[in-house]
Amino acid sequence: MGPLLVEDTYGVKPAIILLMRSLDMGKHAPTVQFSTMRKMRSAFSNIHHASAEDFCNGIVMAKDTRSLLVTKCPTYGTWFIAFI
């Protein structure tokens, strides 16, 4: 198919799922609030970090307050952070 990969390495699928979740009806507002919707990013990250795919395959550097994590998780990438 060419030199570019056909897989989602930027986190477009989780971004679309987050957008779909943001349209759900909220309890105190017409739609769910951002703080509720962004919890799904944590779920995606936890699933990815627990999988065998992330084991010793670091690409993106994500800085936490106490440690530096090397990960290939697309929800920590530059594109996804700009999306959020």
PDB file of N, CA and C in Angstrom:
ATOM      1  N   MET A   1       0.818  -1.193   0.000  1.00  0.00           N
ATOM      2  CA  MET A   1       0.000   0.000   0.000  1.00  0.00           C
ATOM      3  C   MET A   1       0.860   1.255   0.000  1.00  0.00           C
ATOM      4  N   GLY A   2       2.143   1.121   0.070  1.00  0.00           N
ATOM      5  CA  GLY A   2       3.001   2.292   0.089  1.00  0.00           C
ATOM      6  C   GLY A   2       3.880   2.317   1.316  1.00  0.00           C
ATOM      7  N   PRO A   3       4.614   3.414   1.513  1.00  0.00           N
ATOM      8  CA  PRO A   3       5.552   3.468   2.630  1.00  0.00           C
ATOM      9  C   PRO A   3       4.888   3.699   3.993  1.00  0.00           C
ATOM     10  N   LEU A   4       3.653   4.182   4.021  1.00  0.00           N
ATOM     11  CA  LEU A   4       2.993   4.477   5.290  1.00  0.00           C
ATOM     12  C   LEU A   4       2.262   3.256   5.822  1.00  0.00           C
ATOM     13  N   LEU A   5       2.205   3.149   7.127  1.00  0.00           N
ATOM     14  CA  LEU A   5       1.504   2.038   7.767  1.00  0.00           C
ATOM     15  C   LEU A   5      -0.002   2.192   7.611  1.00  0.00           C
ATOM     16  N   VAL A   6      -0.697   1.077   7.573  1.00  0.00           N
ATOM     17  CA  VAL A   6      -2.144   1.094   7.431  1.00  0.00           C
ATOM     18  C   VAL A   6      -2.831   1.034   8.798  1.00  0.00           C
ATOM     19  N   GLU A   7      -2.068   0.896   9.865  1.00  0.00           N
ATOM     20  CA  GLU A   7      -2.649   0.813  11.201  1.00  0.00           C
ATOM     21  C   GLU A   7      -2.760   2.191  11.835  1.00  0.00           C
ATOM     22  N   ASP A   8      -3.553   2.282  12.889  1.00  0.00           N
ATOM     23  CA  ASP A   8      -3.767   3.536  13.603  1.00  0.00           C
ATOM     24  C   ASP A   8      -2.689   3.699  14.666  1.00  0.00           C
ATOM     25  N   THR A   9      -1.664   4.492  14.383  1.00  0.00           N
ATOM     26  CA  THR A   9      -0.594   4.729  15.351  1.00  0.00           C
ATOM     27  C   THR A   9      -0.724   6.086  16.026  1.00  0.00           C
ATOM     28  N   TYR A  10      -1.697   6.894  15.614  1.00  0.00           N
ATOM     29  CA  TYR A  10      -1.861   8.236  16.172  1.00  0.00           C
ATOM     30  C   TYR A  10      -2.967   8.318  17.215  1.00  0.00           C
ATOM     31  N   GLY A  11      -3.806   7.309  17.317  1.00  0.00           N
ATOM     32  CA  GLY A  11      -4.896   7.335  18.278  1.00  0.00           C
ATOM     33  C   GLY A  11      -6.172   7.921  17.720  1.00  0.00           C
ATOM     34  N   VAL A  12      -6.395   7.763  16.422  1.00  0.00           N
ATOM     35  CA  VAL A  12      -7.606   8.291  15.804  1.00  0.00           C
ATOM     36  C   VAL A  12      -8.835   7.515  16.277  1.00  0.00           C
ATOM     37  N   LYS A  13      -8.724   6.203  16.414  1.00  0.00           N
ATOM     38  CA  LYS A  13      -9.863   5.401  16.879  1.00  0.00           C
ATOM     39  C   LYS A  13     -10.305   5.809  18.280  1.00  0.00           C
ATOM     40  N   PRO A  14      -9.387   5.914  19.263  1.00  0.00           N
ATOM     41  CA  PRO A  14      -9.830   6.392  20.576  1.00  0.00           C
ATOM     42  C   PRO A  14     -10.404   7.811  20.523  1.00  0.00           C
ATOM     43  N   ALA A  15      -9.864   8.659  19.645  1.00  0.00           N
ATOM     44  CA  ALA A  15     -10.380  10.025  19.531  1.00  0.00           C
ATOM     45  C   ALA A  15     -11.816  10.021  19.028  1.00  0.00           C
ATOM     46  N   ILE A  16     -12.115   9.166  18.059  1.00  0.00           N
ATOM     47  CA  ILE A  16     -13.479   9.071  17.538  1.00  0.00           C
ATOM     48  C   ILE A  16     -14.421   8.544  18.611  1.00  0.00           C
ATOM     49  N   ILE A  17     -13.965   7.559  19.376  1.00  0.00           N
ATOM     50  CA  ILE A  17     -14.791   7.020  20.458  1.00  0.00           C
ATOM     51  C   ILE A  17     -15.053   8.091  21.515  1.00  0.00           C
ATOM     52  N   LEU A  18     -14.042   8.904  21.825  1.00  0.00           N
ATOM     53  CA  LEU A  18     -14.228  10.003  22.779  1.00  0.00           C
ATOM     54  C   LEU A  18     -15.227  11.031  22.246  1.00  0.00           C
ATOM     55  N   LEU A  19     -15.148  11.328  20.952  1.00  0.00           N
ATOM     56  CA  LEU A  19     -16.100  12.270  20.363  1.00  0.00           C
ATOM     57  C   LEU A  19     -17.522  11.719  20.428  1.00  0.00           C
ATOM     58  N   MET A  20     -17.676  10.430  20.148  1.00  0.00           N
ATOM     59  CA  MET A  20     -18.997   9.815  20.235  1.00  0.00           C
ATOM     60  C   MET A  20     -19.520   9.854  21.672  1.00  0.00           C
ATOM     61  N   ARG A  21     -18.637   9.617  22.638  1.00  0.00           N
ATOM     62  CA  ARG A  21     -19.028   9.656  24.049  1.00  0.00           C
ATOM     63  C   ARG A  21     -19.420  11.074  24.464  1.00  0.00           C
ATOM     64  N   SER A  22     -18.769  12.070  23.886  1.00  0.00           N
ATOM     65  CA  SER A  22     -19.067  13.456  24.246  1.00  0.00           C
ATOM     66  C   SER A  22     -20.468  13.878  23.810  1.00  0.00           C
ATOM     67  N   LEU A  23     -21.072  13.149  22.910  1.00  0.00           N
ATOM     68  CA  LEU A  23     -22.417  13.470  22.445  1.00  0.00           C
ATOM     69  C   LEU A  23     -23.509  12.801  23.271  1.00  0.00           C
ATOM     70  N   ASP A  24     -23.132  11.913  24.193  1.00  0.00           N
ATOM     71  CA  ASP A  24     -24.117  11.246  25.051  1.00  0.00           C
ATOM     72  C   ASP A  24     -24.793  12.263  25.974  1.00  0.00           C
ATOM     73  N   MET A  25     -25.991  11.921  26.411  1.00  0.00           N
ATOM     74  CA  MET A  25     -26.737  12.810  27.282  1.00  0.00           C
ATOM     75  C   MET A  25     -26.118  12.823  28.682  1.00  0.00           C
ATOM     76  N   GLY A  26     -25.960  14.002  29.244  1.00  0.00           N
ATOM     77  CA  GLY A  26     -25.399  14.155  30.581  1.00  0.00           C
ATOM     78  C   GLY A  26     -26.474  14.202  31.654  1.00  0.00           C
ATOM     79  N   LYS A  27     -26.053  14.152  32.896  1.00  0.00           N
ATOM     80  CA  LYS A  27     -26.999  14.222  34.018  1.00  0.00           C
ATOM     81  C   LYS A  27     -27.426  15.655  34.302  1.00  0.00           C
ATOM     82  N   HIS A  28     -26.486  16.599  34.254  1.00  0.00           N
ATOM     83  CA  HIS A  28     -26.774  17.985  34.620  1.00  0.00           C
ATOM     84  C   HIS A  28     -26.591  18.944  33.452  1.00  0.00           C
ATOM     85  N   ALA A  29     -26.326  18.427  32.277  1.00  0.00           N
ATOM     86  CA  ALA A  29     -26.131  19.241  31.083  1.00  0.00           C
ATOM     87  C   ALA A  29     -26.655  18.451  29.884  1.00  0.00           C
ATOM     88  N   PRO A  30     -26.836  19.110  28.756  1.00  0.00           N
ATOM     89  CA  PRO A  30     -27.333  18.379  27.581  1.00  0.00           C
ATOM     90  C   PRO A  30     -26.420  17.234  27.143  1.00  0.00           C
ATOM     91  N   THR A  31     -25.108  17.405  27.307  1.00  0.00           N
ATOM     92  CA  THR A  31     -24.151  16.340  26.957  1.00  0.00           C
ATOM     93  C   THR A  31     -23.218  16.101  28.141  1.00  0.00           C
ATOM     94  N   VAL A  32     -22.487  14.990  28.104  1.00  0.00           N
ATOM     95  CA  VAL A  32     -21.562  14.699  29.195  1.00  0.00           C
ATOM     96  C   VAL A  32     -20.469  15.757  29.225  1.00  0.00           C
ATOM     97  N   GLN A  33     -19.941  15.995  30.392  1.00  0.00           N
ATOM     98  CA  GLN A  33     -18.913  17.008  30.536  1.00  0.00           C
ATOM     99  C   GLN A  33     -17.549  16.433  30.182  1.00  0.00           C
ATOM    100  N   PHE A  34     -16.591  17.338  29.914  1.00  0.00           N
ATOM    101  CA  PHE A  34     -15.256  16.918  29.483  1.00  0.00           C
ATOM    102  C   PHE A  34     -14.578  16.033  30.519  1.00  0.00           C
ATOM    103  N   SER A  35     -14.732  16.355  31.786  1.00  0.00           N
ATOM    104  CA  SER A  35     -14.080  15.566  32.829  1.00  0.00           C
ATOM    105  C   SER A  35     -14.594  14.127  32.859  1.00  0.00           C
ATOM    106  N   THR A  36     -15.839  13.923  32.484  1.00  0.00           N
ATOM    107  CA  THR A  36     -16.393  12.571  32.407  1.00  0.00           C
ATOM    108  C   THR A  36     -15.882  11.857  31.162  1.00  0.00           C
ATOM    109  N   MET A  37     -15.872  12.555  30.046  1.00  0.00           N
ATOM    110  CA  MET A  37     -15.475  11.960  28.777  1.00  0.00           C
ATOM    111  C   MET A  37     -13.991  11.574  28.764  1.00  0.00           C
ATOM    112  N   ARG A  38     -13.147  12.374  29.364  1.00  0.00           N
ATOM    113  CA  ARG A  38     -11.706  12.121  29.282  1.00  0.00           C
ATOM    114  C   ARG A  38     -11.267  10.922  30.113  1.00  0.00           C
ATOM    115  N   LYS A  39     -12.127  10.412  30.989  1.00  0.00           N
ATOM    116  CA  LYS A  39     -11.785   9.213  31.750  1.00  0.00           C
ATOM    117  C   LYS A  39     -11.593   8.009  30.838  1.00  0.00           C
ATOM    118  N   MET A  40     -12.183   8.055  29.662  1.00  0.00           N
ATOM    119  CA  MET A  40     -12.017   6.956  28.708  1.00  0.00           C
ATOM    120  C   MET A  40     -10.581   6.896  28.203  1.00  0.00           C
ATOM    121  N   ARG A  41      -9.899   8.044  28.148  1.00  0.00           N
ATOM    122  CA  ARG A  41      -8.490   8.044  27.737  1.00  0.00           C
ATOM    123  C   ARG A  41      -7.665   7.208  28.710  1.00  0.00           C
ATOM    124  N   SER A  42      -7.953   7.343  29.987  1.00  0.00           N
ATOM    125  CA  SER A  42      -7.268   6.551  31.002  1.00  0.00           C
ATOM    126  C   SER A  42      -7.539   5.068  30.807  1.00  0.00           C
ATOM    127  N   ALA A  43      -8.764   4.729  30.475  1.00  0.00           N
ATOM    128  CA  ALA A  43      -9.108   3.321  30.236  1.00  0.00           C
ATOM    129  C   ALA A  43      -8.336   2.777  29.034  1.00  0.00           C
ATOM    130  N   PHE A  44      -8.284   3.538  27.935  1.00  0.00           N
ATOM    131  CA  PHE A  44      -7.520   3.110  26.763  1.00  0.00           C
ATOM    132  C   PHE A  44      -6.043   2.923  27.107  1.00  0.00           C
ATOM    133  N   SER A  45      -5.483   3.852  27.874  1.00  0.00           N
ATOM    134  CA  SER A  45      -4.069   3.769  28.250  1.00  0.00           C
ATOM    135  C   SER A  45      -3.799   2.552  29.126  1.00  0.00           C
ATOM    136  N   ASN A  46      -4.670   2.320  30.099  1.00  0.00           N
ATOM    137  CA  ASN A  46      -4.478   1.169  30.989  1.00  0.00           C
ATOM    138  C   ASN A  46      -4.551  -0.151  30.235  1.00  0.00           C
ATOM    139  N   ILE A  47      -5.478  -0.258  29.315  1.00  0.00           N
ATOM    140  CA  ILE A  47      -5.591  -1.481  28.510  1.00  0.00           C
ATOM    141  C   ILE A  47      -4.344  -1.673  27.661  1.00  0.00           C
ATOM    142  N   HIS A  48      -3.876  -0.584  27.051  1.00  0.00           N
ATOM    143  CA  HIS A  48      -2.681  -0.688  26.205  1.00  0.00           C
ATOM    144  C   HIS A  48      -1.441  -1.060  27.019  1.00  0.00           C
ATOM    145  N   HIS A  49      -1.283  -0.438  28.196  1.00  0.00           N
ATOM    146  CA  HIS A  49      -0.105  -0.719  29.012  1.00  0.00           C
ATOM    147  C   HIS A  49      -0.135  -2.120  29.604  1.00  0.00           C
ATOM    148  N   ALA A  50      -1.310  -2.701  29.754  1.00  0.00           N
ATOM    149  CA  ALA A  50      -1.420  -4.062  30.280  1.00  0.00           C
ATOM    150  C   ALA A  50      -1.259  -5.113  29.196  1.00  0.00           C
ATOM    151  N   SER A  51      -1.282  -4.706  27.944  1.00  0.00           N
ATOM    152  CA  SER A  51      -1.202  -5.665  26.846  1.00  0.00           C
ATOM    153  C   SER A  51       0.253  -6.036  26.539  1.00  0.00           C
ATOM    154  N   ALA A  52       0.405  -7.116  25.817  1.00  0.00           N
ATOM    155  CA  ALA A  52       1.734  -7.565  25.409  1.00  0.00           C
ATOM    156  C   ALA A  52       2.325  -6.655  24.338  1.00  0.00           C
ATOM    157  N   GLU A  53       1.480  -5.896  23.640  1.00  0.00           N
ATOM    158  CA  GLU A  53       1.954  -5.008  22.571  1.00  0.00           C
ATOM    159  C   GLU A  53       2.848  -3.891  23.099  1.00  0.00           C
ATOM    160  N   ASP A  54       2.602  -3.434  24.307  1.00  0.00           N
ATOM    161  CA  ASP A  54       3.367  -2.327  24.872  1.00  0.00           C
ATOM    162  C   ASP A  54       4.653  -2.782  25.552  1.00  0.00           C
ATOM    163  N   PHE A  55       4.808  -4.040  25.778  1.00  0.00           N
ATOM    164  CA  PHE A  55       5.939  -4.563  26.531  1.00  0.00           C
ATOM    165  C   PHE A  55       7.252  -4.300  25.805  1.00  0.00           C
ATOM    166  N   CYS A  56       8.080  -3.421  26.351  1.00  0.00           N
ATOM    167  CA  CYS A  56       9.421  -3.097  25.831  1.00  0.00           C
ATOM    168  C   CYS A  56       9.414  -2.568  24.405  1.00  0.00           C
ATOM    169  N   ASN A  57       8.378  -1.884  23.993  1.00  0.00           N
ATOM    170  CA  ASN A  57       8.327  -1.296  22.653  1.00  0.00           C
ATOM    171  C   ASN A  57       8.063   0.201  22.753  1.00  0.00           C
ATOM    172  N   GLY A  58       8.912   0.935  23.407  1.00  0.00           N
ATOM    173  CA  GLY A  58       8.668   2.345  23.647  1.00  0.00           C
ATOM    174  C   GLY A  58       8.986   3.212  22.451  1.00  0.00           C
ATOM    175  N   ILE A  59       8.114   4.168  22.179  1.00  0.00           N
ATOM    176  CA  ILE A  59       8.355   5.134  21.117  1.00  0.00           C
ATOM    177  C   ILE A  59       8.109   6.555  21.621  1.00  0.00           C
ATOM    178  N   VAL A  60       6.987   6.793  22.271  1.00  0.00           N
ATOM    179  CA  VAL A  60       6.609   8.128  22.721  1.00  0.00           C
ATOM    180  C   VAL A  60       7.027   8.315  24.166  1.00  0.00           C
ATOM    181  N   MET A  61       7.613   9.465  24.473  1.00  0.00           N
ATOM    182  CA  MET A  61       7.982   9.771  25.848  1.00  0.00           C
ATOM    183  C   MET A  61       6.846  10.570  26.470  1.00  0.00           C
ATOM    184  N   ALA A  62       6.291  10.086  27.552  1.00  0.00           N
ATOM    185  CA  ALA A  62       5.222  10.780  28.258  1.00  0.00           C
ATOM    186  C   ALA A  62       5.714  11.136  29.646  1.00  0.00           C
ATOM    187  N   LYS A  63       5.644  12.415  29.990  1.00  0.00           N
ATOM    188  CA  LYS A  63       6.185  12.857  31.269  1.00  0.00           C
ATOM    189  C   LYS A  63       5.089  12.918  32.320  1.00  0.00           C
ATOM    190  N   ASP A  64       5.324  12.256  33.411  1.00  0.00           N
ATOM    191  CA  ASP A  64       4.416  12.288  34.553  1.00  0.00           C
ATOM    192  C   ASP A  64       5.053  13.176  35.616  1.00  0.00           C
ATOM    193  N   THR A  65       4.359  13.423  36.685  1.00  0.00           N
ATOM    194  CA  THR A  65       4.908  14.299  37.718  1.00  0.00           C
ATOM    195  C   THR A  65       6.059  13.655  38.467  1.00  0.00           C
ATOM    196  N   ARG A  66       6.100  12.326  38.545  1.00  0.00           N
ATOM    197  CA  ARG A  66       7.138  11.651  39.315  1.00  0.00           C
ATOM    198  C   ARG A  66       8.051  10.756  38.486  1.00  0.00           C
ATOM    199  N   SER A  67       7.672  10.428  37.280  1.00  0.00           N
ATOM    200  CA  SER A  67       8.494   9.492  36.516  1.00  0.00           C
ATOM    201  C   SER A  67       8.396   9.800  35.026  1.00  0.00           C
ATOM    202  N   LEU A  68       9.267   9.181  34.274  1.00  0.00           N
ATOM    203  CA  LEU A  68       9.272   9.314  32.824  1.00  0.00           C
ATOM    204  C   LEU A  68       8.945   7.955  32.245  1.00  0.00           C
ATOM    205  N   LEU A  69       7.904   7.876  31.465  1.00  0.00           N
ATOM    206  CA  LEU A  69       7.395   6.616  30.938  1.00  0.00           C
ATOM    207  C   LEU A  69       7.674   6.528  29.449  1.00  0.00           C
ATOM    208  N   VAL A  70       8.265   5.451  29.011  1.00  0.00           N
ATOM    209  CA  VAL A  70       8.483   5.204  27.593  1.00  0.00           C
ATOM    210  C   VAL A  70       7.381   4.264  27.148  1.00  0.00           C
ATOM    211  N   THR A  71       6.566   4.728  26.213  1.00  0.00           N
ATOM    212  CA  THR A  71       5.409   3.951  25.797  1.00  0.00           C
ATOM    213  C   THR A  71       5.129   4.128  24.312  1.00  0.00           C
ATOM    214  N   LYS A  72       4.410   3.189  23.770  1.00  0.00           N
ATOM    215  CA  LYS A  72       3.969   3.227  22.388  1.00  0.00           C
ATOM    216  C   LYS A  72       2.461   3.501  22.320  1.00  0.00           C
ATOM    217  N   CYS A  73       1.880   3.819  23.442  1.00  0.00           N
ATOM    218  CA  CYS A  73       0.439   4.046  23.549  1.00  0.00           C
ATOM    219  C   CYS A  73       0.036   5.271  22.713  1.00  0.00           C
ATOM    220  N   PRO A  74      -0.909   5.119  21.801  1.00  0.00           N
ATOM    221  CA  PRO A  74      -1.287   6.253  20.957  1.00  0.00           C
ATOM    222  C   PRO A  74      -1.970   7.391  21.706  1.00  0.00           C
ATOM    223  N   THR A  75      -2.541   7.129  22.882  1.00  0.00           N
ATOM    224  CA  THR A  75      -3.199   8.208  23.617  1.00  0.00           C
ATOM    225  C   THR A  75      -2.198   9.102  24.339  1.00  0.00           C
ATOM    226  N   TYR A  76      -0.916   8.780  24.298  1.00  0.00           N
ATOM    227  CA  TYR A  76       0.133   9.633  24.843  1.00  0.00           C
ATOM    228  C   TYR A  76       0.902  10.354  23.743  1.00  0.00           C
ATOM    229  N   GLY A  77       0.523  10.148  22.504  1.00  0.00           N
ATOM    230  CA  GLY A  77       1.240  10.747  21.368  1.00  0.00           C
ATOM    231  C   GLY A  77       0.932  12.219  21.193  1.00  0.00           C
ATOM    232  N   THR A  78       1.716  12.881  20.381  1.00  0.00           N
ATOM    233  CA  THR A  78       1.581  14.311  20.131  1.00  0.00           C
ATOM    234  C   THR A  78       0.236  14.640  19.499  1.00  0.00           C
ATOM    235  N   TRP A  79      -0.205  13.838  18.528  1.00  0.00           N
ATOM    236  CA  TRP A  79      -1.476  14.105  17.860  1.00  0.00           C
ATOM    237  C   TRP A  79      -2.635  14.025  18.838  1.00  0.00           C
ATOM    238  N   PHE A  80      -2.663  12.997  19.676  1.00  0.00           N
ATOM    239  CA  PHE A  80      -3.774  12.811  20.596  1.00  0.00           C
ATOM    240  C   PHE A  80      -3.792  13.897  21.668  1.00  0.00           C
ATOM    241  N   ILE A  81      -2.632  14.297  22.156  1.00  0.00           N
ATOM    242  CA  ILE A  81      -2.566  15.372  23.147  1.00  0.00           C
ATOM    243  C   ILE A  81      -3.086  16.679  22.541  1.00  0.00           C
ATOM    244  N   ALA A  82      -2.755  16.940  21.278  1.00  0.00           N
ATOM    245  CA  ALA A  82      -3.286  18.126  20.614  1.00  0.00           C
ATOM    246  C   ALA A  82      -4.797  18.014  20.427  1.00  0.00           C
ATOM    247  N   PHE A  83      -5.292  16.817  20.180  1.00  0.00           N
ATOM    248  CA  PHE A  83      -6.726  16.592  20.031  1.00  0.00           C
ATOM    249  C   PHE A  83      -7.447  16.899  21.347  1.00  0.00           C
ATOM    250  N   ILE A  84      -6.896  16.433  22.452  1.00  0.00           N
ATOM    251  CA  ILE A  84      -7.512  16.676  23.754  1.00  0.00           C
ATOM    252  C   ILE A  84      -7.481  18.159  24.068  1.00  0.00           C
TER     253      ILE A  84
END
